[in-house]
Amino acid sequence: MNKHNNSVLMARGIGKTVKSGTSDLVILREIDLAVTRGEAVAVVGASGSGKSTLLAILAGLDTATAGTVALDGVELGALDEDARARLRAMNVGFVFQSFQLLPALTALENVMLPLELSNEAKADELARGILTRVGLGERLHHYPRHLSGGEQQRVALARAFVVRPKLLLADEPTGSLDAESGAEVIRLLFEMNREYGPTLVMVTHDETLAARCGRVVRLAAGRIVS
């Protein structure tokens, strides 16, 4: 029971099937995964193995066709869309391969956004501080289109960590970056993960990156194989 209490994320019997023409396409089957507070877990597998779908279901961004997911002890399936969004806003930070920055907002405004949504009075000060932490103190008022890929991903890191999330979900965080920018983003990701202390679940096809996590979960054809 204690382990359950200490799990920030608990998935049981997760399945995902989608219609493909006249047949059913099985993306995930019978996934059981418990992630303990403070862990760093890498989810690896070939392209098409279901990694990103699993991450989206764990975040409550997608729904499973079977099984249950509990985030910090709260069952996602029992919540409506708005309640899931509130739970995510309070507990989860995201880093996506495609950065997912809002193009009409500056770096500073992108990082302030989640703080403003939670009515944080010091949004401006906190956002400036964390952008300086990721080396972008001089780029606060730049729009995403004026930033390199590596800089955009550092803005995304700042946005993910600024809310002090309990859980950080990263989907191929270096997938769109050259080797040098990718290495810098990963250095920051692990440094800040130690500083801020969230639980990390990262989808990656990069074995070297996966090896930096405390545990590696392998997916093949929608199942956990190790």
Protein backbone atom coordinates (compact mmCIF):
# COMPACT_ATOMS: atom_id res chain seq x y z
CA MET A 1 0.00 0.00 0.00
CA ASN A 2 2.86 2.30 0.83
CA LYS A 3 4.26 2.05 -2.69
CA HIS A 4 0.86 3.09 -4.06
CA ASN A 5 0.86 6.13 -1.77
CA ASN A 6 4.31 7.03 -2.98
CA SER A 7 3.38 6.73 -6.68
CA VAL A 8 2.93 10.03 -8.45
CA LEU A 9 1.68 8.11 -11.50
CA MET A 10 -0.12 4.76 -11.57
CA ALA A 11 -1.34 3.13 -14.79
CA ARG A 12 -3.15 -0.22 -14.73
CA GLY A 13 -4.23 -2.31 -17.70
CA ILE A 14 -3.92 0.53 -20.22
CA GLY A 15 -5.13 -0.34 -23.71
CA LYS A 16 -5.64 1.88 -26.75
CA THR A 17 -7.42 0.76 -29.92
CA VAL A 18 -8.40 3.01 -32.82
CA LYS A 19 -10.50 2.35 -35.92
CA SER A 20 -8.42 2.00 -39.08
CA GLY A 21 -10.71 1.62 -42.05
CA THR A 22 -12.84 -1.44 -41.31
CA SER A 23 -10.47 -2.98 -38.77
CA ASP A 24 -9.22 -2.10 -35.30
CA LEU A 25 -5.64 -0.98 -34.82
CA VAL A 26 -4.23 -1.86 -31.40
CA ILE A 27 -1.71 0.79 -30.29
CA LEU A 28 -1.29 -0.20 -26.62
CA ARG A 29 -2.19 -3.35 -24.73
CA GLU A 30 -2.25 -4.17 -21.01
CA ILE A 31 0.25 -1.54 -19.87
CA ASP A 32 0.94 -1.52 -16.11
CA LEU A 33 3.29 1.21 -14.90
CA ALA A 34 3.88 2.74 -11.48
CA VAL A 35 6.22 5.73 -11.23
CA THR A 36 7.43 6.63 -7.75
CA ARG A 37 7.92 10.19 -6.52
CA GLY A 38 11.34 11.53 -7.57
CA GLU A 39 12.06 8.80 -10.12
CA ALA A 40 13.44 9.45 -13.62
CA VAL A 41 11.99 6.93 -16.07
CA ALA A 42 12.77 6.63 -19.79
CA VAL A 43 10.23 4.99 -22.12
CA VAL A 44 12.02 3.62 -25.18
CA GLY A 45 11.01 1.67 -28.25
CA ALA A 46 11.04 1.73 -32.03
CA SER A 47 8.97 4.26 -33.94
CA GLY A 48 5.34 3.16 -33.84
CA SER A 49 5.70 1.18 -30.60
CA GLY A 50 3.16 3.42 -28.82
CA LYS A 51 5.50 5.60 -26.73
CA SER A 52 3.95 8.99 -27.48
CA THR A 53 0.40 7.63 -27.21
CA LEU A 54 1.25 6.22 -23.78
CA LEU A 55 2.68 9.56 -22.65
CA ALA A 56 -0.45 11.40 -23.84
CA ILE A 57 -2.67 8.96 -21.92
CA LEU A 58 -0.54 9.30 -18.76
CA ALA A 59 -0.98 13.08 -19.04
CA GLY A 60 -4.72 12.87 -19.60
CA LEU A 61 -4.29 14.51 -23.03
CA ASP A 62 -5.65 11.34 -24.66
CA THR A 63 -8.02 8.70 -23.26
CA ALA A 64 -7.37 4.98 -23.06
CA THR A 65 -9.90 2.45 -24.36
CA ALA A 66 -9.11 0.19 -21.39
CA GLY A 67 -7.53 0.58 -17.97
CA THR A 68 -7.05 3.42 -15.49
CA VAL A 69 -4.52 6.19 -14.83
CA ALA A 70 -4.13 7.92 -11.47
CA LEU A 71 -2.09 11.13 -11.17
CA ASP A 72 -1.04 11.93 -7.61
CA GLY A 73 -3.76 9.56 -6.39
CA VAL A 74 -6.54 11.11 -8.51
CA GLU A 75 -8.16 8.89 -11.15
CA LEU A 76 -8.10 10.76 -14.49
CA GLY A 77 -11.04 8.82 -15.93
CA ALA A 78 -13.30 10.08 -13.14
CA LEU A 79 -12.71 13.73 -14.15
CA ASP A 80 -14.25 15.78 -16.94
CA GLU A 81 -12.02 17.61 -19.42
CA ASP A 82 -11.92 20.86 -17.39
CA ALA A 83 -11.02 19.07 -14.16
CA ARG A 84 -8.28 17.11 -15.95
CA ALA A 85 -6.89 20.37 -17.35
CA ARG A 86 -6.85 21.91 -13.84
CA LEU A 87 -5.10 18.85 -12.40
CA ARG A 88 -2.48 19.02 -15.18
CA ALA A 89 -1.97 22.76 -14.72
CA MET A 90 -1.23 22.26 -11.01
CA ASN A 91 0.87 19.10 -11.24
CA VAL A 92 2.39 18.49 -14.68
CA GLY A 93 5.05 20.17 -16.83
CA PHE A 94 5.47 19.24 -20.52
CA VAL A 95 8.37 19.36 -22.95
CA PHE A 96 7.44 18.34 -26.50
CA GLN A 97 9.61 17.57 -29.52
CA SER A 98 7.93 20.44 -31.43
CA PHE A 99 8.34 22.98 -28.56
CA GLN A 100 4.61 23.96 -28.59
CA LEU A 101 5.29 27.62 -27.88
CA LEU A 102 2.58 30.15 -28.74
CA PRO A 103 3.95 32.13 -31.72
CA ALA A 104 2.15 35.39 -30.84
CA LEU A 105 3.73 35.50 -27.35
CA THR A 106 7.30 36.44 -26.44
CA ALA A 107 9.56 34.02 -24.57
CA LEU A 108 8.64 35.80 -21.33
CA GLU A 109 4.91 35.68 -22.05
CA ASN A 110 5.07 31.97 -22.98
CA VAL A 111 6.67 31.18 -19.62
CA MET A 112 4.32 33.47 -17.69
CA LEU A 113 1.22 31.87 -19.20
CA PRO A 114 0.89 28.80 -16.91
CA LEU A 115 1.60 31.02 -13.88
CA GLU A 116 -1.09 33.50 -14.91
CA LEU A 117 -3.57 30.64 -15.41
CA SER A 118 -2.98 29.66 -11.78
CA ASN A 119 -3.24 33.32 -10.62
CA GLU A 120 0.39 33.53 -9.49
CA ALA A 121 0.98 37.13 -8.36
CA LYS A 122 4.73 37.00 -9.11
CA ALA A 123 4.38 35.54 -12.63
CA ASP A 124 6.66 38.13 -14.26
CA GLU A 125 9.41 37.82 -11.66
CA LEU A 126 9.36 34.00 -11.62
CA ALA A 127 9.36 33.77 -15.42
CA ARG A 128 12.29 36.21 -15.77
CA GLY A 129 14.25 34.27 -13.14
CA ILE A 130 13.84 30.88 -14.78
CA LEU A 131 14.54 32.22 -18.30
CA THR A 132 17.78 33.65 -16.94
CA ARG A 133 18.47 30.22 -15.40
CA VAL A 134 18.24 28.58 -18.85
CA GLY A 135 20.54 31.23 -20.36
CA LEU A 136 17.89 33.36 -22.06
CA GLY A 137 17.94 36.45 -19.86
CA GLU A 138 18.81 38.54 -22.93
CA ARG A 139 16.03 37.02 -25.09
CA LEU A 140 12.95 37.66 -22.92
CA HIS A 141 11.13 39.78 -25.50
CA HIS A 142 11.95 37.68 -28.54
CA TYR A 143 9.14 35.80 -30.29
CA PRO A 144 9.61 32.07 -31.03
CA ARG A 145 10.26 32.77 -34.74
CA HIS A 146 13.30 34.86 -33.74
CA LEU A 147 14.77 32.08 -31.58
CA SER A 148 16.78 29.05 -32.69
CA GLY A 149 15.37 25.55 -32.10
CA GLY A 150 17.61 25.09 -29.08
CA GLU A 151 16.51 28.42 -27.62
CA GLN A 152 12.85 27.57 -28.21
CA GLN A 153 13.28 24.27 -26.39
CA ARG A 154 14.96 26.10 -23.49
CA VAL A 155 11.91 28.40 -23.30
CA ALA A 156 9.77 25.24 -23.22
CA LEU A 157 11.93 23.85 -20.38
CA ALA A 158 11.52 27.11 -18.45
CA ARG A 159 7.74 26.99 -18.98
CA ALA A 160 7.61 23.37 -17.79
CA PHE A 161 9.64 23.93 -14.63
CA VAL A 162 8.31 27.36 -13.62
CA VAL A 163 5.12 25.87 -12.12
CA ARG A 164 7.21 23.55 -9.89
CA PRO A 165 5.42 20.47 -11.27
CA LYS A 166 5.24 17.17 -9.40
CA LEU A 167 5.59 15.38 -12.73
CA LEU A 168 7.57 16.36 -15.83
CA LEU A 169 6.64 14.62 -19.09
CA ALA A 170 9.11 14.93 -21.97
CA ASP A 171 8.40 13.57 -25.46
CA GLU A 172 11.59 13.25 -27.57
CA PRO A 173 12.89 16.57 -26.13
CA THR A 174 15.90 16.62 -28.48
CA GLY A 175 14.14 15.14 -31.52
CA SER A 176 14.10 18.42 -33.49
CA LEU A 177 17.54 19.66 -32.44
CA ASP A 178 21.09 19.32 -33.73
CA ALA A 179 23.56 17.43 -31.53
CA GLU A 180 25.02 20.51 -29.83
CA SER A 181 21.66 22.16 -29.00
CA GLY A 182 20.27 18.79 -27.93
CA ALA A 183 23.16 18.19 -25.54
CA GLU A 184 22.62 21.63 -23.95
CA VAL A 185 18.87 21.03 -23.52
CA ILE A 186 19.50 17.64 -21.91
CA ARG A 187 22.15 19.06 -19.57
CA LEU A 188 19.64 21.70 -18.43
CA LEU A 189 16.79 19.19 -18.20
CA PHE A 190 18.66 16.89 -15.82
CA GLU A 191 20.23 19.76 -13.84
CA MET A 192 16.87 21.43 -13.29
CA ASN A 193 15.25 18.10 -12.55
CA ARG A 194 17.71 17.69 -9.67
CA GLU A 195 17.14 21.28 -8.50
CA TYR A 196 13.35 21.31 -8.69
CA GLY A 197 12.82 17.64 -7.89
CA PRO A 198 9.85 16.58 -10.04
CA THR A 199 9.32 13.01 -11.16
CA LEU A 200 10.47 12.64 -14.78
CA VAL A 201 8.96 10.41 -17.46
CA MET A 202 10.72 10.82 -20.80
CA VAL A 203 9.93 9.21 -24.15
CA THR A 204 13.06 8.86 -26.28
CA HIS A 205 14.60 6.67 -28.97
CA ASP A 206 18.06 7.79 -27.81
CA GLU A 207 19.64 4.98 -25.77
CA THR A 208 22.37 7.25 -24.35
CA LEU A 209 19.73 9.63 -23.08
CA ALA A 210 17.62 6.79 -21.68
CA ALA A 211 20.65 5.49 -19.78
CA ARG A 212 20.77 8.76 -17.79
CA CYS A 213 17.40 7.91 -16.24
CA GLY A 214 17.15 5.66 -13.20
CA ARG A 215 14.86 3.18 -14.97
CA VAL A 216 14.22 2.23 -18.59
CA VAL A 217 10.85 0.85 -19.72
CA ARG A 218 10.86 -0.77 -23.17
CA LEU A 219 7.82 -0.85 -25.43
CA ALA A 220 7.43 -3.10 -28.46
CA ALA A 221 4.22 -3.43 -30.46
CA GLY A 222 2.25 -1.65 -27.74
CA ARG A 223 3.41 -3.83 -24.84
CA ILE A 224 6.00 -3.35 -22.11
CA VAL A 225 8.67 -5.94 -22.85
CA SER A 226 11.16 -5.02 -20.11
